[in-house]
Amino acid sequence: MIFWIEETMSVVGTSEEFNGSPGGIWLCGECGDEYKGKRIYNYYADNYRDNYNKYDFGVLIKWEEELNKRGWYSNWYDAGTVMVRPI
């Protein structure tokens, strides 16, 4: 999974490197990485009316669908950090 994410995102590590928690992938939630021309993670996106159908809890819906197809999901750690974990 980490290799697939690295094709799109610039900052990728393991959750073990971040906080010792096993089995997850650590991502930058504020780096502005894009998937199909849209910002992937935007913690504050739901606050803007024009984003209501593109983001769910600050995660680009299309990106989350791709993660889910692969058996993973996004989980905010804080406003600048996302952990991707197996479903």
PDB file of N, CA and C in Angstrom:
ATOM      1  N   MET A   1       0.816  -1.196   0.000  1.00  0.00           N
ATOM      2  CA  MET A   1       0.000   0.000   0.000  1.00  0.00           C
ATOM      3  C   MET A   1       0.862   1.264   0.000  1.00  0.00           C
ATOM      4  N   ILE A   2       1.935   1.216   0.748  1.00  0.00           N
ATOM      5  CA  ILE A   2       2.781   2.398   0.853  1.00  0.00           C
ATOM      6  C   ILE A   2       3.357   2.792  -0.515  1.00  0.00           C
ATOM      7  N   PHE A   3       3.646   1.808  -1.360  1.00  0.00           N
ATOM      8  CA  PHE A   3       4.177   2.105  -2.691  1.00  0.00           C
ATOM      9  C   PHE A   3       3.132   2.808  -3.556  1.00  0.00           C
ATOM     10  N   TRP A   4       1.860   2.407  -3.443  1.00  0.00           N
ATOM     11  CA  TRP A   4       0.784   3.054  -4.197  1.00  0.00           C
ATOM     12  C   TRP A   4       0.619   4.509  -3.732  1.00  0.00           C
ATOM     13  N   ILE A   5       0.642   4.741  -2.446  1.00  0.00           N
ATOM     14  CA  ILE A   5       0.502   6.098  -1.913  1.00  0.00           C
ATOM     15  C   ILE A   5       1.679   6.971  -2.345  1.00  0.00           C
ATOM     16  N   GLU A   6       2.882   6.418  -2.333  1.00  0.00           N
ATOM     17  CA  GLU A   6       4.067   7.190  -2.720  1.00  0.00           C
ATOM     18  C   GLU A   6       4.006   7.677  -4.168  1.00  0.00           C
ATOM     19  N   GLU A   7       3.205   7.051  -5.009  1.00  0.00           N
ATOM     20  CA  GLU A   7       3.038   7.513  -6.383  1.00  0.00           C
ATOM     21  C   GLU A   7       2.341   8.871  -6.437  1.00  0.00           C
ATOM     22  N   THR A   8       1.590   9.203  -5.402  1.00  0.00           N
ATOM     23  CA  THR A   8       0.793  10.427  -5.372  1.00  0.00           C
ATOM     24  C   THR A   8       1.252  11.428  -4.323  1.00  0.00           C
ATOM     25  N   MET A   9       1.687  10.945  -3.181  1.00  0.00           N
ATOM     26  CA  MET A   9       2.000  11.821  -2.058  1.00  0.00           C
ATOM     27  C   MET A   9       3.500  11.950  -1.840  1.00  0.00           C
ATOM     28  N   SER A  10       3.911  13.125  -1.361  1.00  0.00           N
ATOM     29  CA  SER A  10       5.334  13.409  -1.181  1.00  0.00           C
ATOM     30  C   SER A  10       5.885  12.976   0.174  1.00  0.00           C
ATOM     31  N   VAL A  11       5.064  12.912   1.185  1.00  0.00           N
ATOM     32  CA  VAL A  11       5.537  12.558   2.514  1.00  0.00           C
ATOM     33  C   VAL A  11       4.832  11.281   2.962  1.00  0.00           C
ATOM     34  N   VAL A  12       5.610  10.227   3.110  1.00  0.00           N
ATOM     35  CA  VAL A  12       5.045   8.949   3.516  1.00  0.00           C
ATOM     36  C   VAL A  12       6.007   8.280   4.499  1.00  0.00           C
ATOM     37  N   GLY A  13       5.465   7.726   5.556  1.00  0.00           N
ATOM     38  CA  GLY A  13       6.252   6.985   6.525  1.00  0.00           C
ATOM     39  C   GLY A  13       5.358   5.959   7.195  1.00  0.00           C
ATOM     40  N   THR A  14       5.881   5.269   8.160  1.00  0.00           N
ATOM     41  CA  THR A  14       5.063   4.294   8.884  1.00  0.00           C
ATOM     42  C   THR A  14       4.575   4.882  10.200  1.00  0.00           C
ATOM     43  N   SER A  15       3.495   4.340  10.694  1.00  0.00           N
ATOM     44  CA  SER A  15       2.989   4.798  11.984  1.00  0.00           C
ATOM     45  C   SER A  15       3.971   4.445  13.104  1.00  0.00           C
ATOM     46  N   GLU A  16       4.743   3.386  12.897  1.00  0.00           N
ATOM     47  CA  GLU A  16       5.763   3.021  13.878  1.00  0.00           C
ATOM     48  C   GLU A  16       6.811   4.128  14.008  1.00  0.00           C
ATOM     49  N   GLU A  17       7.184   4.725  12.867  1.00  0.00           N
ATOM     50  CA  GLU A  17       8.148   5.830  12.887  1.00  0.00           C
ATOM     51  C   GLU A  17       7.567   7.057  13.584  1.00  0.00           C
ATOM     52  N   PHE A  18       6.266   7.262  13.431  1.00  0.00           N
ATOM     53  CA  PHE A  18       5.628   8.455  13.981  1.00  0.00           C
ATOM     54  C   PHE A  18       5.416   8.358  15.486  1.00  0.00           C
ATOM     55  N   ASN A  19       4.736   7.290  15.910  1.00  0.00           N
ATOM     56  CA  ASN A  19       4.409   7.199  17.336  1.00  0.00           C
ATOM     57  C   ASN A  19       4.496   5.785  17.916  1.00  0.00           C
ATOM     58  N   GLY A  20       5.085   4.871  17.147  1.00  0.00           N
ATOM     59  CA  GLY A  20       5.249   3.511  17.649  1.00  0.00           C
ATOM     60  C   GLY A  20       4.056   2.598  17.442  1.00  0.00           C
ATOM     61  N   SER A  21       2.955   3.131  16.947  1.00  0.00           N
ATOM     62  CA  SER A  21       1.753   2.342  16.706  1.00  0.00           C
ATOM     63  C   SER A  21       1.936   1.477  15.451  1.00  0.00           C
ATOM     64  N   PRO A  22       1.737   0.177  15.550  1.00  0.00           N
ATOM     65  CA  PRO A  22       1.998  -0.696  14.402  1.00  0.00           C
ATOM     66  C   PRO A  22       0.889  -0.702  13.351  1.00  0.00           C
ATOM     67  N   GLY A  23       1.290  -0.993  12.109  1.00  0.00           N
ATOM     68  CA  GLY A  23       0.346  -1.317  11.054  1.00  0.00           C
ATOM     69  C   GLY A  23      -0.234  -0.193  10.233  1.00  0.00           C
ATOM     70  N   GLY A  24       0.165   1.054  10.450  1.00  0.00           N
ATOM     71  CA  GLY A  24      -0.407   2.167   9.710  1.00  0.00           C
ATOM     72  C   GLY A  24       0.617   2.883   8.847  1.00  0.00           C
ATOM     73  N   ILE A  25       0.113   3.806   8.065  1.00  0.00           N
ATOM     74  CA  ILE A  25       0.953   4.639   7.208  1.00  0.00           C
ATOM     75  C   ILE A  25       0.746   6.091   7.622  1.00  0.00           C
ATOM     76  N   TRP A  26       1.823   6.790   7.832  1.00  0.00           N
ATOM     77  CA  TRP A  26       1.822   8.175   8.309  1.00  0.00           C
ATOM     78  C   TRP A  26       1.933   9.098   7.103  1.00  0.00           C
ATOM     79  N   LEU A  27       1.008  10.065   6.987  1.00  0.00           N
ATOM     80  CA  LEU A  27       0.978  10.991   5.862  1.00  0.00           C
ATOM     81  C   LEU A  27       0.887  12.434   6.331  1.00  0.00           C
ATOM     82  N   CYS A  28       1.381  13.320   5.503  1.00  0.00           N
ATOM     83  CA  CYS A  28       1.251  14.752   5.754  1.00  0.00           C
ATOM     84  C   CYS A  28      -0.137  15.201   5.317  1.00  0.00           C
ATOM     85  N   GLY A  29      -0.875  15.780   6.223  1.00  0.00           N
ATOM     86  CA  GLY A  29      -2.210  16.258   5.908  1.00  0.00           C
ATOM     87  C   GLY A  29      -2.244  17.711   5.474  1.00  0.00           C
ATOM     88  N   GLU A  30      -1.093  18.383   5.448  1.00  0.00           N
ATOM     89  CA  GLU A  30      -1.063  19.797   5.108  1.00  0.00           C
ATOM     90  C   GLU A  30      -0.086  20.122   3.983  1.00  0.00           C
ATOM     91  N   CYS A  31       0.411  19.106   3.295  1.00  0.00           N
ATOM     92  CA  CYS A  31       1.430  19.319   2.258  1.00  0.00           C
ATOM     93  C   CYS A  31       0.848  19.724   0.905  1.00  0.00           C
ATOM     94  N   GLY A  32      -0.456  19.611   0.738  1.00  0.00           N
ATOM     95  CA  GLY A  32      -1.084  20.038  -0.504  1.00  0.00           C
ATOM     96  C   GLY A  32      -1.003  19.033  -1.637  1.00  0.00           C
ATOM     97  N   ASP A  33      -0.668  17.776  -1.340  1.00  0.00           N
ATOM     98  CA  ASP A  33      -0.622  16.759  -2.386  1.00  0.00           C
ATOM     99  C   ASP A  33      -1.995  16.619  -3.033  1.00  0.00           C
ATOM    100  N   GLU A  34      -1.990  16.319  -4.335  1.00  0.00           N
ATOM    101  CA  GLU A  34      -3.241  16.251  -5.089  1.00  0.00           C
ATOM    102  C   GLU A  34      -3.462  14.888  -5.716  1.00  0.00           C
ATOM    103  N   TYR A  35      -4.734  14.560  -5.862  1.00  0.00           N
ATOM    104  CA  TYR A  35      -5.167  13.363  -6.561  1.00  0.00           C
ATOM    105  C   TYR A  35      -6.156  13.812  -7.627  1.00  0.00           C
ATOM    106  N   LYS A  36      -5.811  13.566  -8.876  1.00  0.00           N
ATOM    107  CA  LYS A  36      -6.633  13.976 -10.021  1.00  0.00           C
ATOM    108  C   LYS A  36      -6.980  15.461  -9.969  1.00  0.00           C
ATOM    109  N   GLY A  37      -5.986  16.275  -9.626  1.00  0.00           N
ATOM    110  CA  GLY A  37      -6.141  17.722  -9.641  1.00  0.00           C
ATOM    111  C   GLY A  37      -6.809  18.348  -8.434  1.00  0.00           C
ATOM    112  N   LYS A  38      -7.120  17.562  -7.424  1.00  0.00           N
ATOM    113  CA  LYS A  38      -7.766  18.077  -6.209  1.00  0.00           C
ATOM    114  C   LYS A  38      -6.889  17.748  -5.001  1.00  0.00           C
ATOM    115  N   ARG A  39      -6.837  18.678  -4.071  1.00  0.00           N
ATOM    116  CA  ARG A  39      -6.073  18.462  -2.845  1.00  0.00           C
ATOM    117  C   ARG A  39      -6.651  17.266  -2.092  1.00  0.00           C
ATOM    118  N   ILE A  40      -5.788  16.353  -1.657  1.00  0.00           N
ATOM    119  CA  ILE A  40      -6.231  15.118  -1.008  1.00  0.00           C
ATOM    120  C   ILE A  40      -6.747  15.376   0.404  1.00  0.00           C
ATOM    121  N   TYR A  41      -5.931  16.001   1.213  1.00  0.00           N
ATOM    122  CA  TYR A  41      -6.306  16.252   2.605  1.00  0.00           C
ATOM    123  C   TYR A  41      -6.382  17.746   2.856  1.00  0.00           C
ATOM    124  N   ASN A  42      -7.515  18.174   3.391  1.00  0.00           N
ATOM    125  CA  ASN A  42      -7.741  19.575   3.711  1.00  0.00           C
ATOM    126  C   ASN A  42      -8.617  19.609   4.961  1.00  0.00           C
ATOM    127  N   TYR A  43      -7.975  19.665   6.081  1.00  0.00           N
ATOM    128  CA  TYR A  43      -8.664  19.560   7.371  1.00  0.00           C
ATOM    129  C   TYR A  43      -9.860  20.511   7.487  1.00  0.00           C
ATOM    130  N   TYR A  44      -9.750  21.666   6.861  1.00  0.00           N
ATOM    131  CA  TYR A  44     -10.800  22.679   6.988  1.00  0.00           C
ATOM    132  C   TYR A  44     -11.747  22.733   5.794  1.00  0.00           C
ATOM    133  N   ALA A  45     -11.645  21.810   4.881  1.00  0.00           N
ATOM    134  CA  ALA A  45     -12.434  21.848   3.637  1.00  0.00           C
ATOM    135  C   ALA A  45     -13.935  21.860   3.879  1.00  0.00           C
ATOM    136  N   ASP A  46     -14.399  21.141   4.871  1.00  0.00           N
ATOM    137  CA  ASP A  46     -15.836  21.063   5.116  1.00  0.00           C
ATOM    138  C   ASP A  46     -16.433  22.390   5.568  1.00  0.00           C
ATOM    139  N   ASN A  47     -15.588  23.343   5.914  1.00  0.00           N
ATOM    140  CA  ASN A  47     -16.072  24.653   6.336  1.00  0.00           C
ATOM    141  C   ASN A  47     -16.434  25.553   5.160  1.00  0.00           C
ATOM    142  N   TYR A  48     -16.089  25.126   3.946  1.00  0.00           N
ATOM    143  CA  TYR A  48     -16.345  25.933   2.766  1.00  0.00           C
ATOM    144  C   TYR A  48     -17.458  25.317   1.943  1.00  0.00           C
ATOM    145  N   ARG A  49     -18.461  26.091   1.641  1.00  0.00           N
ATOM    146  CA  ARG A  49     -19.666  25.599   0.973  1.00  0.00           C
ATOM    147  C   ARG A  49     -19.369  24.883  -0.343  1.00  0.00           C
ATOM    148  N   ASP A  50     -18.409  25.365  -1.127  1.00  0.00           N
ATOM    149  CA  ASP A  50     -18.144  24.760  -2.430  1.00  0.00           C
ATOM    150  C   ASP A  50     -17.437  23.406  -2.332  1.00  0.00           C
ATOM    151  N   ASN A  51     -17.047  22.988  -1.155  1.00  0.00           N
ATOM    152  CA  ASN A  51     -16.364  21.704  -0.981  1.00  0.00           C
ATOM    153  C   ASN A  51     -17.255  20.602  -0.417  1.00  0.00           C
ATOM    154  N   TYR A  52     -18.516  20.886  -0.151  1.00  0.00           N
ATOM    155  CA  TYR A  52     -19.354  19.919   0.561  1.00  0.00           C
ATOM    156  C   TYR A  52     -19.524  18.603  -0.185  1.00  0.00           C
ATOM    157  N   ASN A  53     -19.439  18.604  -1.491  1.00  0.00           N
ATOM    158  CA  ASN A  53     -19.604  17.357  -2.233  1.00  0.00           C
ATOM    159  C   ASN A  53     -18.276  16.755  -2.688  1.00  0.00           C
ATOM    160  N   LYS A  54     -17.149  17.365  -2.327  1.00  0.00           N
ATOM    161  CA  LYS A  54     -15.825  16.866  -2.707  1.00  0.00           C
ATOM    162  C   LYS A  54     -15.081  16.238  -1.538  1.00  0.00           C
ATOM    163  N   TYR A  55     -15.399  16.692  -0.330  1.00  0.00           N
ATOM    164  CA  TYR A  55     -14.687  16.253   0.864  1.00  0.00           C
ATOM    165  C   TYR A  55     -15.644  15.700   1.907  1.00  0.00           C
ATOM    166  N   ASP A  56     -15.162  14.717   2.630  1.00  0.00           N
ATOM    167  CA  ASP A  56     -15.889  14.192   3.770  1.00  0.00           C
ATOM    168  C   ASP A  56     -14.928  14.226   4.953  1.00  0.00           C
ATOM    169  N   PHE A  57     -15.234  15.028   5.935  1.00  0.00           N
ATOM    170  CA  PHE A  57     -14.347  15.241   7.089  1.00  0.00           C
ATOM    171  C   PHE A  57     -12.935  15.604   6.650  1.00  0.00           C
ATOM    172  N   GLY A  58     -12.824  16.448   5.630  1.00  0.00           N
ATOM    173  CA  GLY A  58     -11.535  16.952   5.186  1.00  0.00           C
ATOM    174  C   GLY A  58     -10.731  16.019   4.302  1.00  0.00           C
ATOM    175  N   VAL A  59     -11.325  14.917   3.878  1.00  0.00           N
ATOM    176  CA  VAL A  59     -10.646  13.952   3.011  1.00  0.00           C
ATOM    177  C   VAL A  59     -11.354  13.946   1.653  1.00  0.00           C
ATOM    178  N   LEU A  60     -10.576  14.080   0.590  1.00  0.00           N
ATOM    179  CA  LEU A  60     -11.137  14.033  -0.757  1.00  0.00           C
ATOM    180  C   LEU A  60     -11.866  12.709  -0.944  1.00  0.00           C
ATOM    181  N   ILE A  61     -13.137  12.761  -1.280  1.00  0.00           N
ATOM    182  CA  ILE A  61     -13.972  11.562  -1.376  1.00  0.00           C
ATOM    183  C   ILE A  61     -13.412  10.563  -2.381  1.00  0.00           C
ATOM    184  N   LYS A  62     -12.961  11.030  -3.526  1.00  0.00           N
ATOM    185  CA  LYS A  62     -12.413  10.119  -4.550  1.00  0.00           C
ATOM    186  C   LYS A  62     -11.173   9.385  -4.038  1.00  0.00           C
ATOM    187  N   TRP A  63     -10.327  10.066  -3.291  1.00  0.00           N
ATOM    188  CA  TRP A  63      -9.136   9.442  -2.716  1.00  0.00           C
ATOM    189  C   TRP A  63      -9.533   8.365  -1.705  1.00  0.00           C
ATOM    190  N   GLU A  64     -10.483   8.723  -0.834  1.00  0.00           N
ATOM    191  CA  GLU A  64     -10.922   7.775   0.192  1.00  0.00           C
ATOM    192  C   GLU A  64     -11.539   6.534  -0.440  1.00  0.00           C
ATOM    193  N   GLU A  65     -12.271   6.716  -1.529  1.00  0.00           N
ATOM    194  CA  GLU A  65     -12.851   5.570  -2.241  1.00  0.00           C
ATOM    195  C   GLU A  65     -11.759   4.638  -2.761  1.00  0.00           C
ATOM    196  N   GLU A  66     -10.672   5.210  -3.267  1.00  0.00           N
ATOM    197  CA  GLU A  66      -9.554   4.394  -3.761  1.00  0.00           C
ATOM    198  C   GLU A  66      -8.879   3.647  -2.612  1.00  0.00           C
ATOM    199  N   LEU A  67      -8.701   4.319  -1.482  1.00  0.00           N
ATOM    200  CA  LEU A  67      -8.134   3.645  -0.315  1.00  0.00           C
ATOM    201  C   LEU A  67      -9.032   2.495   0.128  1.00  0.00           C
ATOM    202  N   ASN A  68     -10.333   2.758   0.207  1.00  0.00           N
ATOM    203  CA  ASN A  68     -11.286   1.744   0.653  1.00  0.00           C
ATOM    204  C   ASN A  68     -11.302   0.526  -0.262  1.00  0.00           C
ATOM    205  N   LYS A  69     -11.178   0.745  -1.569  1.00  0.00           N
ATOM    206  CA  LYS A  69     -11.114  -0.373  -2.518  1.00  0.00           C
ATOM    207  C   LYS A  69      -9.939  -1.289  -2.203  1.00  0.00           C
ATOM    208  N   ARG A  70      -8.893  -0.714  -1.667  1.00  0.00           N
ATOM    209  CA  ARG A  70      -7.677  -1.457  -1.343  1.00  0.00           C
ATOM    210  C   ARG A  70      -7.667  -1.959   0.106  1.00  0.00           C
ATOM    211  N   GLY A  71      -8.765  -1.699   0.831  1.00  0.00           N
ATOM    212  CA  GLY A  71      -8.884  -2.188   2.202  1.00  0.00           C
ATOM    213  C   GLY A  71      -8.284  -1.289   3.269  1.00  0.00           C
ATOM    214  N   TRP A  72      -8.160   0.016   2.980  1.00  0.00           N
ATOM    215  CA  TRP A  72      -7.578   0.975   3.914  1.00  0.00           C
ATOM    216  C   TRP A  72      -8.508   2.179   4.076  1.00  0.00           C
ATOM    217  N   TYR A  73      -8.267   2.991   5.095  1.00  0.00           N
ATOM    218  CA  TYR A  73      -9.041   4.216   5.322  1.00  0.00           C
ATOM    219  C   TYR A  73      -8.152   5.294   5.940  1.00  0.00           C
ATOM    220  N   SER A  74      -8.575   6.546   5.779  1.00  0.00           N
ATOM    221  CA  SER A  74      -7.859   7.698   6.353  1.00  0.00           C
ATOM    222  C   SER A  74      -8.402   8.016   7.732  1.00  0.00           C
ATOM    223  N   ASN A  75      -7.500   8.444   8.614  1.00  0.00           N
ATOM    224  CA  ASN A  75      -7.893   8.839   9.960  1.00  0.00           C
ATOM    225  C   ASN A  75      -7.015  10.014  10.388  1.00  0.00           C
ATOM    226  N   TRP A  76      -7.643  11.156  10.667  1.00  0.00           N
ATOM    227  CA  TRP A  76      -6.876  12.325  11.114  1.00  0.00           C
ATOM    228  C   TRP A  76      -6.268  12.054  12.483  1.00  0.00           C
ATOM    229  N   TYR A  77      -4.989  12.373  12.625  1.00  0.00           N
ATOM    230  CA  TYR A  77      -4.306  12.339  13.923  1.00  0.00           C
ATOM    231  C   TYR A  77      -4.395  13.730  14.553  1.00  0.00           C
ATOM    232  N   ASP A  78      -4.095  14.741  13.741  1.00  0.00           N
ATOM    233  CA  ASP A  78      -4.282  16.142  14.081  1.00  0.00           C
ATOM    234  C   ASP A  78      -4.446  16.892  12.759  1.00  0.00           C
ATOM    235  N   ALA A  79      -4.543  18.203  12.792  1.00  0.00           N
ATOM    236  CA  ALA A  79      -4.832  18.978  11.575  1.00  0.00           C
ATOM    237  C   ALA A  79      -3.754  18.871  10.500  1.00  0.00           C
ATOM    238  N   GLY A  80      -2.573  18.398  10.838  1.00  0.00           N
ATOM    239  CA  GLY A  80      -1.497  18.288   9.864  1.00  0.00           C
ATOM    240  C   GLY A  80      -1.019  16.868   9.611  1.00  0.00           C
ATOM    241  N   THR A  81      -1.633  15.897  10.278  1.00  0.00           N
ATOM    242  CA  THR A  81      -1.154  14.516  10.193  1.00  0.00           C
ATOM    243  C   THR A  81      -2.321  13.560   9.972  1.00  0.00           C
ATOM    244  N   VAL A  82      -2.124  12.644   9.017  1.00  0.00           N
ATOM    245  CA  VAL A  82      -3.133  11.625   8.718  1.00  0.00           C
ATOM    246  C   VAL A  82      -2.489  10.254   8.859  1.00  0.00           C
ATOM    247  N   MET A  83      -3.214   9.336   9.456  1.00  0.00           N
ATOM    248  CA  MET A  83      -2.802   7.937   9.491  1.00  0.00           C
ATOM    249  C   MET A  83      -3.743   7.165   8.577  1.00  0.00           C
ATOM    250  N   VAL A  84      -3.156   6.338   7.734  1.00  0.00           N
ATOM    251  CA  VAL A  84      -3.949   5.449   6.875  1.00  0.00           C
ATOM    252  C   VAL A  84      -3.790   4.064   7.473  1.00  0.00           C
ATOM    253  N   ARG A  85      -4.919   3.426   7.704  1.00  0.00           N
ATOM    254  CA  ARG A  85      -4.906   2.127   8.393  1.00  0.00           C
ATOM    255  C   ARG A  85      -5.762   1.108   7.645  1.00  0.00           C
ATOM    256  N   PRO A  86      -5.473  -0.179   7.859  1.00  0.00           N
ATOM    257  CA  PRO A  86      -6.314  -1.219   7.250  1.00  0.00           C
ATOM    258  C   PRO A  86      -7.717  -1.196   7.846  1.00  0.00           C
ATOM    259  N   ILE A  87      -8.667  -1.492   7.017  1.00  0.00           N
ATOM    260  CA  ILE A  87     -10.078  -1.552   7.483  1.00  0.00           C
ATOM    261  C   ILE A  87     -10.256  -2.747   8.387  1.00  0.00           C
TER     262      ILE A  87
END
